[in-house]
Amino acid sequence: MNGWIKLHRQITEWEWYSDSNTFRLFIHLLLKANHKDNNYRGKLIKQGCLVTGREKLSLETGLSIRQVRTCLERLEMTNEIAIKSSSKGTEIQIVKYKDYQYATNETTSKEPTKWPTNDQQTTTNNNEKNDKEEKENIYRKFKHLSISLGEFKKLNEVYEKSIIDDILDRIENYKQNTKYSSLYLTANSWLRKQNVKDEPKRVNKNYSYEELMNMEK
């Protein structure tokens, strides 16, 4: 693969800059995205987009599939990327690709669009701003459930991050999770049911969904 991408120094103020996994994945997506419209298996893949998958991204970046999924969820929630799945694969769009990689034939006097910062207002619409702020504070979200970064930090004071992520995966895959209204309370309950709290910061037995649900009765 030939060519290069443009990277503004202001990226150091980006909210995911200090998150090494999310930052690595996003830069990788920038590098792999089409710099111009191109066809893939009879389908037009536009500039700033790429067709890929979690397993492929895992192999290319060295991140685990779970880490890739978490990073994609974070980037999607903060509107850095848009994800669309089809029978031909997963298409990922860099939402502001043209802003980051503005055309080289523009006049040199034109300044590139600056990288969004944490305190930068990206819209004049208050409702959209509130939605963005809400998304930025979410650690994990699926279906109707979500857990904020603050709630995750509370759990992380007692449990290892890997244990929390494992419980969140189980809740997401549990077919009857629609009956839950709070992901934080549900995760906290499932963690306690595993008796992990008795041995903080250590991995304990992993129960099946059925065992967890029987404990809950």
N, C-alpha and C. Protein backbone atom coordinates (compact mmCIF):
# COMPACT_ATOMS: atom_id res chain seq x y z
N MET A 1 0.85 -1.20 0.00
CA MET A 1 0.00 0.00 0.00
C MET A 1 0.88 1.24 0.00
N ASN A 2 0.66 2.12 -0.98
CA ASN A 2 1.45 3.33 -1.10
C ASN A 2 0.68 4.54 -0.58
N GLY A 3 1.40 5.66 -0.43
CA GLY A 3 0.76 6.90 -0.01
C GLY A 3 0.89 7.17 1.48
N TRP A 4 0.22 8.20 1.93
CA TRP A 4 0.31 8.63 3.32
C TRP A 4 -0.97 9.34 3.72
N ILE A 5 -1.12 9.58 5.01
CA ILE A 5 -2.27 10.33 5.51
C ILE A 5 -1.78 11.58 6.21
N LYS A 6 -2.67 12.53 6.38
CA LYS A 6 -2.35 13.76 7.09
C LYS A 6 -2.84 13.66 8.53
N LEU A 7 -2.00 14.10 9.45
CA LEU A 7 -2.32 14.00 10.86
C LEU A 7 -2.03 15.33 11.54
N HIS A 8 -3.07 16.01 11.99
CA HIS A 8 -2.91 17.32 12.62
C HIS A 8 -2.40 17.15 14.05
N ARG A 9 -1.53 18.05 14.49
CA ARG A 9 -0.98 17.97 15.84
C ARG A 9 -2.06 18.08 16.92
N GLN A 10 -3.17 18.66 16.54
CA GLN A 10 -4.25 18.84 17.50
C GLN A 10 -4.87 17.51 17.92
N ILE A 11 -4.46 16.44 17.26
CA ILE A 11 -4.96 15.13 17.65
C ILE A 11 -4.57 14.80 19.09
N THR A 12 -3.52 15.43 19.59
CA THR A 12 -3.10 15.19 20.98
C THR A 12 -4.16 15.66 21.98
N GLU A 13 -5.11 16.49 21.52
CA GLU A 13 -6.18 16.96 22.39
C GLU A 13 -7.45 16.15 22.19
N TRP A 14 -7.39 15.16 21.31
CA TRP A 14 -8.55 14.31 21.03
C TRP A 14 -8.88 13.46 22.24
N GLU A 15 -10.16 13.20 22.49
CA GLU A 15 -10.57 12.49 23.69
C GLU A 15 -10.06 11.06 23.78
N TRP A 16 -9.78 10.42 22.63
CA TRP A 16 -9.30 9.04 22.66
C TRP A 16 -7.79 8.95 22.49
N TYR A 17 -7.11 10.07 22.51
CA TYR A 17 -5.65 10.06 22.29
C TYR A 17 -4.92 9.25 23.36
N SER A 18 -5.37 9.34 24.61
CA SER A 18 -4.69 8.65 25.71
C SER A 18 -5.13 7.19 25.84
N ASP A 19 -6.14 6.80 25.08
CA ASP A 19 -6.57 5.39 25.06
C ASP A 19 -5.81 4.70 23.93
N SER A 20 -4.74 4.00 24.28
CA SER A 20 -3.83 3.46 23.27
C SER A 20 -4.52 2.53 22.28
N ASN A 21 -5.45 1.70 22.74
CA ASN A 21 -6.11 0.75 21.84
C ASN A 21 -7.03 1.46 20.86
N THR A 22 -7.86 2.37 21.39
CA THR A 22 -8.80 3.10 20.52
C THR A 22 -8.05 3.99 19.54
N PHE A 23 -7.00 4.65 20.02
CA PHE A 23 -6.20 5.51 19.15
C PHE A 23 -5.54 4.69 18.04
N ARG A 24 -4.96 3.56 18.42
CA ARG A 24 -4.30 2.70 17.43
C ARG A 24 -5.27 2.23 16.36
N LEU A 25 -6.44 1.80 16.79
CA LEU A 25 -7.43 1.30 15.82
C LEU A 25 -7.90 2.40 14.89
N PHE A 26 -8.14 3.61 15.43
CA PHE A 26 -8.63 4.69 14.58
C PHE A 26 -7.59 5.10 13.54
N ILE A 27 -6.32 5.19 13.94
CA ILE A 27 -5.27 5.52 12.99
C ILE A 27 -5.16 4.42 11.93
N HIS A 28 -5.32 3.17 12.36
CA HIS A 28 -5.29 2.06 11.41
C HIS A 28 -6.43 2.19 10.39
N LEU A 29 -7.63 2.57 10.85
CA LEU A 29 -8.76 2.75 9.95
C LEU A 29 -8.50 3.89 8.98
N LEU A 30 -7.89 4.96 9.46
CA LEU A 30 -7.54 6.08 8.57
C LEU A 30 -6.58 5.62 7.48
N LEU A 31 -5.61 4.77 7.87
CA LEU A 31 -4.63 4.29 6.91
C LEU A 31 -5.23 3.34 5.89
N LYS A 32 -6.22 2.56 6.31
CA LYS A 32 -6.80 1.55 5.43
C LYS A 32 -7.98 2.06 4.60
N ALA A 33 -8.57 3.19 5.00
CA ALA A 33 -9.74 3.71 4.30
C ALA A 33 -9.38 4.14 2.86
N ASN A 34 -10.33 4.01 1.95
CA ASN A 34 -10.12 4.45 0.56
C ASN A 34 -9.83 5.95 0.51
N HIS A 35 -8.78 6.33 -0.22
CA HIS A 35 -8.52 7.76 -0.40
C HIS A 35 -9.32 8.31 -1.59
N LYS A 36 -9.95 7.38 -2.33
CA LYS A 36 -10.87 7.76 -3.40
C LYS A 36 -11.88 6.63 -3.58
N ASP A 37 -12.99 6.92 -4.26
CA ASP A 37 -14.02 5.90 -4.47
C ASP A 37 -13.42 4.71 -5.21
N ASN A 38 -13.86 3.51 -4.79
CA ASN A 38 -13.32 2.30 -5.40
C ASN A 38 -14.38 1.19 -5.35
N ASN A 39 -14.29 0.23 -6.25
CA ASN A 39 -15.24 -0.89 -6.28
C ASN A 39 -14.67 -2.08 -5.54
N TYR A 40 -15.55 -2.77 -4.79
CA TYR A 40 -15.17 -3.99 -4.09
C TYR A 40 -16.26 -5.03 -4.30
N ARG A 41 -15.94 -6.06 -5.06
CA ARG A 41 -16.88 -7.15 -5.35
C ARG A 41 -18.22 -6.62 -5.87
N GLY A 42 -18.13 -5.71 -6.80
CA GLY A 42 -19.32 -5.19 -7.45
C GLY A 42 -20.03 -4.09 -6.69
N LYS A 43 -19.47 -3.65 -5.57
CA LYS A 43 -20.10 -2.59 -4.78
C LYS A 43 -19.17 -1.40 -4.68
N LEU A 44 -19.73 -0.21 -4.80
CA LEU A 44 -18.94 1.01 -4.70
C LEU A 44 -18.63 1.32 -3.24
N ILE A 45 -17.35 1.37 -2.92
CA ILE A 45 -16.90 1.75 -1.57
C ILE A 45 -16.34 3.17 -1.69
N LYS A 46 -16.99 4.10 -1.05
CA LYS A 46 -16.65 5.51 -1.23
C LYS A 46 -15.38 5.92 -0.48
N GLN A 47 -14.92 7.09 -0.81
CA GLN A 47 -13.76 7.67 -0.15
C GLN A 47 -14.01 7.72 1.36
N GLY A 48 -12.99 7.36 2.14
CA GLY A 48 -13.11 7.40 3.59
C GLY A 48 -13.76 6.17 4.18
N CYS A 49 -14.02 5.14 3.34
CA CYS A 49 -14.66 3.91 3.81
C CYS A 49 -13.75 2.71 3.55
N LEU A 50 -14.01 1.63 4.25
CA LEU A 50 -13.31 0.37 4.02
C LEU A 50 -14.21 -0.78 4.40
N VAL A 51 -13.98 -1.93 3.77
CA VAL A 51 -14.70 -3.15 4.10
C VAL A 51 -13.75 -4.05 4.88
N THR A 52 -14.17 -4.46 6.06
CA THR A 52 -13.28 -5.23 6.92
C THR A 52 -14.12 -6.08 7.87
N GLY A 53 -13.53 -6.54 8.94
CA GLY A 53 -14.23 -7.33 9.96
C GLY A 53 -13.42 -7.32 11.24
N ARG A 54 -14.04 -7.72 12.34
CA ARG A 54 -13.34 -7.69 13.63
C ARG A 54 -12.11 -8.60 13.64
N GLU A 55 -12.26 -9.81 13.09
CA GLU A 55 -11.14 -10.74 13.08
C GLU A 55 -9.97 -10.19 12.26
N LYS A 56 -10.29 -9.60 11.12
CA LYS A 56 -9.24 -9.04 10.27
C LYS A 56 -8.55 -7.87 10.97
N LEU A 57 -9.34 -7.00 11.60
CA LEU A 57 -8.75 -5.88 12.32
C LEU A 57 -7.90 -6.36 13.49
N SER A 58 -8.33 -7.44 14.11
CA SER A 58 -7.56 -8.01 15.21
C SER A 58 -6.19 -8.48 14.73
N LEU A 59 -6.17 -9.17 13.59
CA LEU A 59 -4.91 -9.66 13.03
C LEU A 59 -4.01 -8.50 12.59
N GLU A 60 -4.61 -7.47 12.04
CA GLU A 60 -3.82 -6.35 11.50
C GLU A 60 -3.26 -5.43 12.59
N THR A 61 -3.96 -5.34 13.71
CA THR A 61 -3.54 -4.40 14.77
C THR A 61 -2.90 -5.05 15.98
N GLY A 62 -3.10 -6.37 16.11
CA GLY A 62 -2.57 -7.04 17.29
C GLY A 62 -3.49 -6.94 18.50
N LEU A 63 -4.64 -6.31 18.33
CA LEU A 63 -5.63 -6.22 19.40
C LEU A 63 -6.48 -7.49 19.41
N SER A 64 -7.03 -7.83 20.57
CA SER A 64 -7.93 -8.98 20.62
C SER A 64 -9.25 -8.60 19.96
N ILE A 65 -10.05 -9.60 19.61
CA ILE A 65 -11.34 -9.32 18.99
C ILE A 65 -12.22 -8.51 19.94
N ARG A 66 -12.16 -8.82 21.23
CA ARG A 66 -12.94 -8.07 22.21
C ARG A 66 -12.48 -6.61 22.27
N GLN A 67 -11.17 -6.40 22.23
CA GLN A 67 -10.65 -5.03 22.25
C GLN A 67 -11.07 -4.26 21.00
N VAL A 68 -11.05 -4.94 19.85
CA VAL A 68 -11.48 -4.31 18.60
C VAL A 68 -12.94 -3.90 18.71
N ARG A 69 -13.77 -4.80 19.21
CA ARG A 69 -15.20 -4.50 19.35
C ARG A 69 -15.43 -3.32 20.27
N THR A 70 -14.75 -3.30 21.41
CA THR A 70 -14.90 -2.20 22.37
C THR A 70 -14.48 -0.87 21.74
N CYS A 71 -13.34 -0.88 21.03
CA CYS A 71 -12.85 0.34 20.39
C CYS A 71 -13.81 0.83 19.31
N LEU A 72 -14.35 -0.09 18.52
CA LEU A 72 -15.30 0.29 17.48
C LEU A 72 -16.55 0.90 18.10
N GLU A 73 -17.02 0.33 19.21
CA GLU A 73 -18.20 0.86 19.88
C GLU A 73 -17.95 2.28 20.38
N ARG A 74 -16.76 2.51 20.93
CA ARG A 74 -16.43 3.85 21.43
C ARG A 74 -16.35 4.86 20.29
N LEU A 75 -15.69 4.48 19.21
CA LEU A 75 -15.56 5.39 18.06
C LEU A 75 -16.90 5.67 17.42
N GLU A 76 -17.77 4.68 17.41
CA GLU A 76 -19.10 4.87 16.83
C GLU A 76 -19.95 5.77 17.72
N MET A 77 -19.83 5.59 19.04
CA MET A 77 -20.64 6.39 19.96
C MET A 77 -20.25 7.86 19.94
N THR A 78 -18.97 8.16 19.67
CA THR A 78 -18.54 9.55 19.59
C THR A 78 -18.55 10.08 18.16
N ASN A 79 -19.20 9.31 17.27
CA ASN A 79 -19.43 9.74 15.89
C ASN A 79 -18.14 9.94 15.10
N GLU A 80 -17.11 9.16 15.41
CA GLU A 80 -15.89 9.19 14.60
C GLU A 80 -16.06 8.28 13.38
N ILE A 81 -16.83 7.19 13.57
CA ILE A 81 -17.05 6.24 12.49
C ILE A 81 -18.53 5.86 12.43
N ALA A 82 -18.92 5.32 11.29
CA ALA A 82 -20.26 4.74 11.12
C ALA A 82 -20.05 3.33 10.60
N ILE A 83 -20.81 2.37 11.14
CA ILE A 83 -20.63 0.97 10.79
C ILE A 83 -21.90 0.42 10.13
N LYS A 84 -21.72 -0.26 9.01
CA LYS A 84 -22.85 -0.86 8.29
C LYS A 84 -22.46 -2.27 7.87
N SER A 85 -23.23 -3.25 8.33
CA SER A 85 -22.93 -4.66 8.02
C SER A 85 -23.80 -5.15 6.88
N SER A 86 -23.23 -6.03 6.07
CA SER A 86 -23.96 -6.63 4.95
C SER A 86 -23.40 -8.03 4.69
N SER A 87 -23.96 -8.72 3.72
CA SER A 87 -23.50 -10.06 3.38
C SER A 87 -22.08 -10.06 2.83
N LYS A 88 -21.62 -8.91 2.36
CA LYS A 88 -20.28 -8.80 1.79
C LYS A 88 -19.24 -8.35 2.80
N GLY A 89 -19.66 -8.14 4.03
CA GLY A 89 -18.72 -7.74 5.07
C GLY A 89 -19.20 -6.51 5.81
N THR A 90 -18.34 -6.01 6.67
CA THR A 90 -18.65 -4.82 7.47
C THR A 90 -17.99 -3.60 6.83
N GLU A 91 -18.80 -2.62 6.50
CA GLU A 91 -18.28 -1.38 5.92
C GLU A 91 -18.17 -0.32 7.01
N ILE A 92 -16.99 0.23 7.17
CA ILE A 92 -16.74 1.28 8.16
C ILE A 92 -16.45 2.58 7.45
N GLN A 93 -17.14 3.62 7.84
CA GLN A 93 -16.95 4.95 7.26
C GLN A 93 -16.29 5.86 8.29
N ILE A 94 -15.20 6.53 7.91
CA ILE A 94 -14.63 7.58 8.73
C ILE A 94 -15.49 8.81 8.50
N VAL A 95 -16.29 9.19 9.48
CA VAL A 95 -17.33 10.20 9.29
C VAL A 95 -16.77 11.51 8.76
N LYS A 96 -15.65 11.97 9.28
CA LYS A 96 -15.10 13.27 8.86
C LYS A 96 -13.80 13.09 8.08
N TYR A 97 -13.76 12.06 7.26
CA TYR A 97 -12.54 11.76 6.52
C TYR A 97 -12.07 12.94 5.67
N LYS A 98 -13.00 13.59 5.00
CA LYS A 98 -12.62 14.72 4.13
C LYS A 98 -12.09 15.89 4.94
N ASP A 99 -12.58 16.03 6.18
CA ASP A 99 -12.08 17.10 7.03
C ASP A 99 -10.64 16.82 7.47
N TYR A 100 -10.37 15.53 7.78
CA TYR A 100 -9.03 15.15 8.22
C TYR A 100 -8.05 15.13 7.06
N GLN A 101 -8.50 14.61 5.90
CA GLN A 101 -7.63 14.44 4.74
C GLN A 101 -8.10 15.33 3.60
N TYR A 102 -8.09 16.64 3.81
CA TYR A 102 -8.61 17.55 2.79
C TYR A 102 -7.77 17.46 1.53
N ALA A 103 -8.40 17.76 0.40
CA ALA A 103 -7.78 17.56 -0.91
C ALA A 103 -6.48 18.33 -1.04
N THR A 104 -5.48 17.70 -1.69
CA THR A 104 -4.17 18.32 -1.85
C THR A 104 -4.17 19.41 -2.91
N ASN A 105 -5.22 19.48 -3.73
CA ASN A 105 -5.24 20.50 -4.79
C ASN A 105 -5.91 21.78 -4.32
N GLU A 106 -6.23 21.88 -3.03
CA GLU A 106 -6.78 23.11 -2.51
C GLU A 106 -5.65 24.12 -2.34
N THR A 107 -6.00 25.37 -2.30
CA THR A 107 -4.99 26.41 -2.16
C THR A 107 -4.28 26.27 -0.83
N THR A 108 -2.99 26.58 -0.83
CA THR A 108 -2.19 26.41 0.38
C THR A 108 -2.61 27.36 1.47
N SER A 109 -3.37 28.41 1.12
CA SER A 109 -3.78 29.38 2.13
C SER A 109 -4.94 28.86 2.97
N LYS A 110 -5.58 27.78 2.48
CA LYS A 110 -6.72 27.26 3.22
C LYS A 110 -6.25 26.37 4.35
N GLU A 111 -6.70 26.64 5.55
CA GLU A 111 -6.31 25.85 6.70
C GLU A 111 -7.14 24.58 6.76
N PRO A 112 -6.51 23.45 7.14
CA PRO A 112 -7.27 22.21 7.28
C PRO A 112 -8.23 22.30 8.46
N THR A 113 -9.32 21.55 8.37
CA THR A 113 -10.25 21.51 9.49
C THR A 113 -9.54 20.91 10.69
N LYS A 114 -9.60 21.57 11.82
CA LYS A 114 -8.88 21.11 12.99
C LYS A 114 -9.54 19.88 13.59
N TRP A 115 -8.70 19.06 14.23
CA TRP A 115 -9.20 17.86 14.88
C TRP A 115 -10.10 18.26 16.04
N PRO A 116 -11.23 17.58 16.22
CA PRO A 116 -12.13 17.95 17.31
C PRO A 116 -11.48 17.73 18.67
N THR A 117 -11.66 18.66 19.57
CA THR A 117 -11.13 18.56 20.92
C THR A 117 -12.27 18.34 21.89
N ASN A 118 -11.92 18.01 23.12
CA ASN A 118 -12.95 17.72 24.12
C ASN A 118 -13.87 18.90 24.38
N ASP A 119 -13.29 20.13 24.35
CA ASP A 119 -14.09 21.30 24.70
C ASP A 119 -14.58 22.07 23.48
N GLN A 120 -14.40 21.48 22.30
CA GLN A 120 -14.82 22.16 21.08
C GLN A 120 -16.29 21.90 20.81
N GLN A 121 -17.06 22.92 20.55
CA GLN A 121 -18.48 22.77 20.23
C GLN A 121 -18.59 22.44 18.75
N THR A 122 -19.03 21.23 18.44
CA THR A 122 -19.10 20.78 17.05
C THR A 122 -20.42 21.14 16.39
N THR A 123 -21.35 21.66 17.14
CA THR A 123 -22.64 22.06 16.56
C THR A 123 -23.26 23.15 17.39
N THR A 124 -24.09 23.96 16.77
CA THR A 124 -24.77 25.04 17.50
C THR A 124 -26.10 24.57 18.06
N ASN A 125 -26.46 23.36 17.76
CA ASN A 125 -27.72 22.82 18.26
C ASN A 125 -27.51 22.23 19.65
N ASN A 126 -28.20 22.78 20.65
CA ASN A 126 -27.99 22.33 22.02
C ASN A 126 -28.37 20.88 22.22
N ASN A 127 -29.41 20.43 21.53
CA ASN A 127 -29.81 19.04 21.69
C ASN A 127 -28.74 18.09 21.18
N GLU A 128 -28.14 18.42 20.03
CA GLU A 128 -27.08 17.59 19.49
C GLU A 128 -25.87 17.60 20.40
N LYS A 129 -25.57 18.75 20.99
CA LYS A 129 -24.44 18.84 21.90
C LYS A 129 -24.66 17.95 23.11
N ASN A 130 -25.87 17.98 23.65
CA ASN A 130 -26.18 17.14 24.82
C ASN A 130 -26.08 15.67 24.47
N ASP A 131 -26.53 15.30 23.26
CA ASP A 131 -26.44 13.91 22.83
C ASP A 131 -24.99 13.47 22.74
N LYS A 132 -24.14 14.35 22.21
CA LYS A 132 -22.71 14.02 22.07
C LYS A 132 -22.07 13.85 23.43
N GLU A 133 -22.39 14.75 24.37
CA GLU A 133 -21.82 14.65 25.70
C GLU A 133 -22.26 13.37 26.39
N GLU A 134 -23.51 12.98 26.16
CA GLU A 134 -24.02 11.76 26.76
C GLU A 134 -23.28 10.54 26.20
N LYS A 135 -23.06 10.53 24.89
CA LYS A 135 -22.36 9.42 24.26
C LYS A 135 -20.93 9.31 24.75
N GLU A 136 -20.26 10.46 24.94
CA GLU A 136 -18.86 10.45 25.35
C GLU A 136 -18.68 9.87 26.74
N ASN A 137 -19.74 9.89 27.57
CA ASN A 137 -19.65 9.39 28.93
C ASN A 137 -20.05 7.93 29.05
N ILE A 138 -20.34 7.28 27.94
CA ILE A 138 -20.77 5.89 27.96
C ILE A 138 -19.57 4.96 27.75
N TYR A 139 -19.43 3.98 28.63
CA TYR A 139 -18.34 3.00 28.50
C TYR A 139 -18.74 1.86 27.57
N ARG A 140 -19.98 1.41 27.69
CA ARG A 140 -20.45 0.27 26.89
C ARG A 140 -21.95 0.42 26.67
N LYS A 141 -22.42 0.09 25.48
CA LYS A 141 -23.84 0.20 25.16
C LYS A 141 -24.24 -0.89 24.19
N PHE A 142 -25.39 -1.50 24.43
CA PHE A 142 -25.97 -2.44 23.48
C PHE A 142 -27.48 -2.49 23.71
N LYS A 143 -28.21 -2.59 22.63
CA LYS A 143 -29.66 -2.58 22.68
C LYS A 143 -30.15 -1.39 23.51
N HIS A 144 -30.94 -1.66 24.57
CA HIS A 144 -31.51 -0.59 25.37
C HIS A 144 -30.68 -0.31 26.62
N LEU A 145 -29.57 -1.02 26.81
CA LEU A 145 -28.78 -0.91 28.03
C LEU A 145 -27.46 -0.18 27.77
N SER A 146 -27.02 0.55 28.78
CA SER A 146 -25.72 1.22 28.69
C SER A 146 -25.16 1.41 30.09
N ILE A 147 -23.84 1.53 30.17
CA ILE A 147 -23.16 1.78 31.43
C ILE A 147 -22.19 2.94 31.22
N SER A 148 -22.24 3.91 32.10
CA SER A 148 -21.41 5.11 31.94
C SER A 148 -19.99 4.83 32.40
N LEU A 149 -19.09 5.73 32.02
CA LEU A 149 -17.70 5.61 32.46
C LEU A 149 -17.61 5.71 33.99
N GLY A 150 -18.45 6.58 34.58
CA GLY A 150 -18.45 6.72 36.02
C GLY A 150 -18.89 5.45 36.72
N GLU A 151 -19.92 4.80 36.17
CA GLU A 151 -20.40 3.55 36.75
C GLU A 151 -19.37 2.44 36.59
N PHE A 152 -18.71 2.42 35.41
CA PHE A 152 -17.65 1.43 35.20
C PHE A 152 -16.52 1.62 36.21
N LYS A 153 -16.15 2.87 36.47
CA LYS A 153 -15.06 3.13 37.41
C LYS A 153 -15.40 2.65 38.82
N LYS A 154 -16.69 2.75 39.19
CA LYS A 154 -17.12 2.25 40.50
C LYS A 154 -16.90 0.75 40.58
N LEU A 155 -17.28 0.04 39.51
CA LEU A 155 -17.09 -1.41 39.50
C LEU A 155 -15.60 -1.76 39.46
N ASN A 156 -14.83 -0.95 38.73
CA ASN A 156 -13.41 -1.22 38.57
C ASN A 156 -12.61 -0.99 39.85
N GLU A 157 -13.22 -0.31 40.82
CA GLU A 157 -12.57 -0.14 42.11
C GLU A 157 -12.50 -1.47 42.86
N VAL A 158 -13.38 -2.39 42.50
CA VAL A 158 -13.46 -3.69 43.18
C VAL A 158 -13.05 -4.84 42.29
N TYR A 159 -13.44 -4.76 41.00
CA TYR A 159 -13.22 -5.88 40.09
C TYR A 159 -12.24 -5.51 38.98
N GLU A 160 -11.53 -6.52 38.49
CA GLU A 160 -10.64 -6.33 37.35
C GLU A 160 -11.46 -5.96 36.11
N LYS A 161 -10.85 -5.15 35.24
CA LYS A 161 -11.53 -4.73 34.00
C LYS A 161 -11.92 -5.95 33.16
N SER A 162 -11.04 -6.96 33.09
CA SER A 162 -11.34 -8.15 32.27
C SER A 162 -12.57 -8.88 32.79
N ILE A 163 -12.75 -8.90 34.12
CA ILE A 163 -13.90 -9.57 34.71
C ILE A 163 -15.18 -8.80 34.39
N ILE A 164 -15.11 -7.47 34.49
CA ILE A 164 -16.27 -6.64 34.18
C ILE A 164 -16.67 -6.80 32.72
N ASP A 165 -15.68 -6.75 31.82
CA ASP A 165 -15.96 -6.90 30.40
C ASP A 165 -16.59 -8.26 30.09
N ASP A 166 -16.11 -9.29 30.79
CA ASP A 166 -16.66 -10.63 30.58
C ASP A 166 -18.13 -10.68 30.99
N ILE A 167 -18.45 -10.05 32.13
CA ILE A 167 -19.84 -10.02 32.60
C ILE A 167 -20.71 -9.24 31.63
N LEU A 168 -20.19 -8.10 31.13
CA LEU A 168 -20.96 -7.30 30.17
C LEU A 168 -21.21 -8.09 28.89
N ASP A 169 -20.23 -8.89 28.47
CA ASP A 169 -20.41 -9.74 27.29
C ASP A 169 -21.54 -10.73 27.52
N ARG A 170 -21.58 -11.31 28.72
CA ARG A 170 -22.60 -12.31 29.02
C ARG A 170 -23.99 -11.68 29.05
N ILE A 171 -24.07 -10.49 29.64
CA ILE A 171 -25.37 -9.82 29.68
C ILE A 171 -25.84 -9.49 28.27
N GLU A 172 -24.90 -9.03 27.42
CA GLU A 172 -25.25 -8.70 26.04
C GLU A 172 -25.76 -9.94 25.29
N ASN A 173 -25.16 -11.08 25.56
CA ASN A 173 -25.53 -12.31 24.85
C ASN A 173 -26.70 -13.04 25.49
N TYR A 174 -27.11 -12.61 26.68
CA TYR A 174 -28.22 -13.25 27.37
C TYR A 174 -29.53 -12.89 26.66
N LYS A 175 -30.28 -13.88 26.23
CA LYS A 175 -31.46 -13.65 25.40
C LYS A 175 -32.55 -12.85 26.10
N GLN A 176 -32.61 -12.95 27.43
CA GLN A 176 -33.67 -12.26 28.16
C GLN A 176 -33.20 -10.96 28.80
N ASN A 177 -32.16 -10.35 28.24
CA ASN A 177 -31.64 -9.12 28.84
C ASN A 177 -32.59 -7.93 28.67
N THR A 178 -33.64 -8.12 27.87
CA THR A 178 -34.59 -7.02 27.67
C THR A 178 -35.36 -6.69 28.95
N LYS A 179 -35.35 -7.60 29.91
CA LYS A 179 -36.09 -7.34 31.15
C LYS A 179 -35.29 -6.44 32.10
N TYR A 180 -34.03 -6.19 31.79
CA TYR A 180 -33.21 -5.34 32.65
C TYR A 180 -33.33 -3.88 32.22
N SER A 181 -33.29 -3.00 33.21
CA SER A 181 -33.39 -1.57 32.92
C SER A 181 -32.10 -0.82 33.23
N SER A 182 -31.22 -1.42 34.01
CA SER A 182 -29.95 -0.77 34.37
C SER A 182 -28.80 -1.76 34.16
N LEU A 183 -27.90 -1.42 33.23
CA LEU A 183 -26.76 -2.30 32.97
C LEU A 183 -25.79 -2.29 34.16
N TYR A 184 -25.65 -1.15 34.81
CA TYR A 184 -24.76 -1.06 35.97
C TYR A 184 -25.25 -1.95 37.11
N LEU A 185 -26.53 -1.85 37.45
CA LEU A 185 -27.08 -2.65 38.55
C LEU A 185 -27.06 -4.14 38.22
N THR A 186 -27.35 -4.46 36.95
CA THR A 186 -27.34 -5.85 36.53
C THR A 186 -25.93 -6.43 36.60
N ALA A 187 -24.95 -5.67 36.07
CA ALA A 187 -23.57 -6.14 36.11
C ALA A 187 -23.08 -6.31 37.54
N ASN A 188 -23.42 -5.35 38.38
CA ASN A 188 -23.02 -5.41 39.79
C ASN A 188 -23.61 -6.64 40.47
N SER A 189 -24.88 -6.93 40.14
CA SER A 189 -25.56 -8.10 40.71
C SER A 189 -24.91 -9.40 40.23
N TRP A 190 -24.63 -9.49 38.94
CA TRP A 190 -24.02 -10.70 38.39
C TRP A 190 -22.62 -10.91 38.96
N LEU A 191 -21.88 -9.82 39.14
CA LEU A 191 -20.53 -9.91 39.72
C LEU A 191 -20.59 -10.43 41.15
N ARG A 192 -21.55 -9.92 41.91
CA ARG A 192 -21.70 -10.38 43.30
C ARG A 192 -22.09 -11.84 43.35
N LYS A 193 -22.95 -12.26 42.41
CA LYS A 193 -23.39 -13.64 42.37
C LYS A 193 -22.22 -14.60 42.13
N GLN A 194 -21.19 -14.09 41.44
CA GLN A 194 -20.01 -14.93 41.17
C GLN A 194 -19.06 -14.96 42.35
N ASN A 195 -19.37 -14.21 43.41
CA ASN A 195 -18.52 -14.15 44.60
C ASN A 195 -17.14 -13.56 44.30
N VAL A 196 -17.04 -12.81 43.21
CA VAL A 196 -15.76 -12.19 42.87
C VAL A 196 -15.39 -11.16 43.92
N LYS A 197 -16.40 -10.53 44.54
CA LYS A 197 -16.14 -9.47 45.50
C LYS A 197 -15.39 -9.99 46.72
N ASP A 198 -15.55 -11.28 47.01
CA ASP A 198 -14.84 -11.85 48.15
C ASP A 198 -13.35 -11.95 47.89
N GLU A 199 -12.99 -11.95 46.59
CA GLU A 199 -11.58 -11.99 46.22
C GLU A 199 -11.32 -10.89 45.21
N PRO A 200 -11.30 -9.64 45.64
CA PRO A 200 -11.15 -8.52 44.70
C PRO A 200 -9.88 -8.62 43.88
N LYS A 201 -10.03 -8.15 42.64
CA LYS A 201 -8.92 -8.12 41.70
C LYS A 201 -8.40 -9.51 41.35
N ARG A 202 -9.24 -10.53 41.48
CA ARG A 202 -8.86 -11.88 41.09
C ARG A 202 -9.98 -12.51 40.27
N VAL A 203 -9.60 -13.37 39.33
CA VAL A 203 -10.59 -14.04 38.50
C VAL A 203 -11.15 -15.23 39.26
N ASN A 204 -12.47 -15.37 39.31
CA ASN A 204 -13.09 -16.48 39.99
C ASN A 204 -13.83 -17.35 38.99
N LYS A 205 -14.65 -18.25 39.48
CA LYS A 205 -15.38 -19.18 38.62
C LYS A 205 -16.30 -18.44 37.67
N ASN A 206 -16.41 -18.90 36.44
CA ASN A 206 -17.32 -18.34 35.46
C ASN A 206 -18.56 -19.21 35.39
N TYR A 207 -19.71 -18.67 35.79
CA TYR A 207 -20.96 -19.41 35.79
C TYR A 207 -21.67 -19.25 34.45
N SER A 208 -22.50 -20.22 34.13
CA SER A 208 -23.32 -20.16 32.93
C SER A 208 -24.48 -19.22 33.18
N TYR A 209 -25.19 -18.85 32.09
CA TYR A 209 -26.35 -17.98 32.23
C TYR A 209 -27.39 -18.63 33.14
N GLU A 210 -27.58 -19.95 32.97
CA GLU A 210 -28.59 -20.64 33.75
C GLU A 210 -28.28 -20.60 35.24
N GLU A 211 -27.00 -20.81 35.58
CA GLU A 211 -26.60 -20.77 36.98
C GLU A 211 -26.82 -19.40 37.58
N LEU A 212 -26.47 -18.36 36.80
CA LEU A 212 -26.64 -17.00 37.29
C LEU A 212 -28.11 -16.68 37.51
N MET A 213 -28.95 -17.14 36.58
CA MET A 213 -30.37 -16.85 36.70
C MET A 213 -31.00 -17.63 37.85
N ASN A 214 -30.51 -18.86 38.12
CA ASN A 214 -31.02 -19.61 39.25
C ASN A 214 -30.65 -18.94 40.57
N MET A 215 -29.47 -18.35 40.60
CA MET A 215 -29.02 -17.63 41.80
C MET A 215 -29.90 -16.41 42.05
N GLU A 216 -30.39 -15.83 40.94
CA GLU A 216 -31.15 -14.60 41.05
C GLU A 216 -32.55 -14.85 41.58
N LYS A 217 -33.03 -16.11 41.49
CA LYS A 217 -34.39 -16.43 41.92
C LYS A 217 -34.48 -16.52 43.43
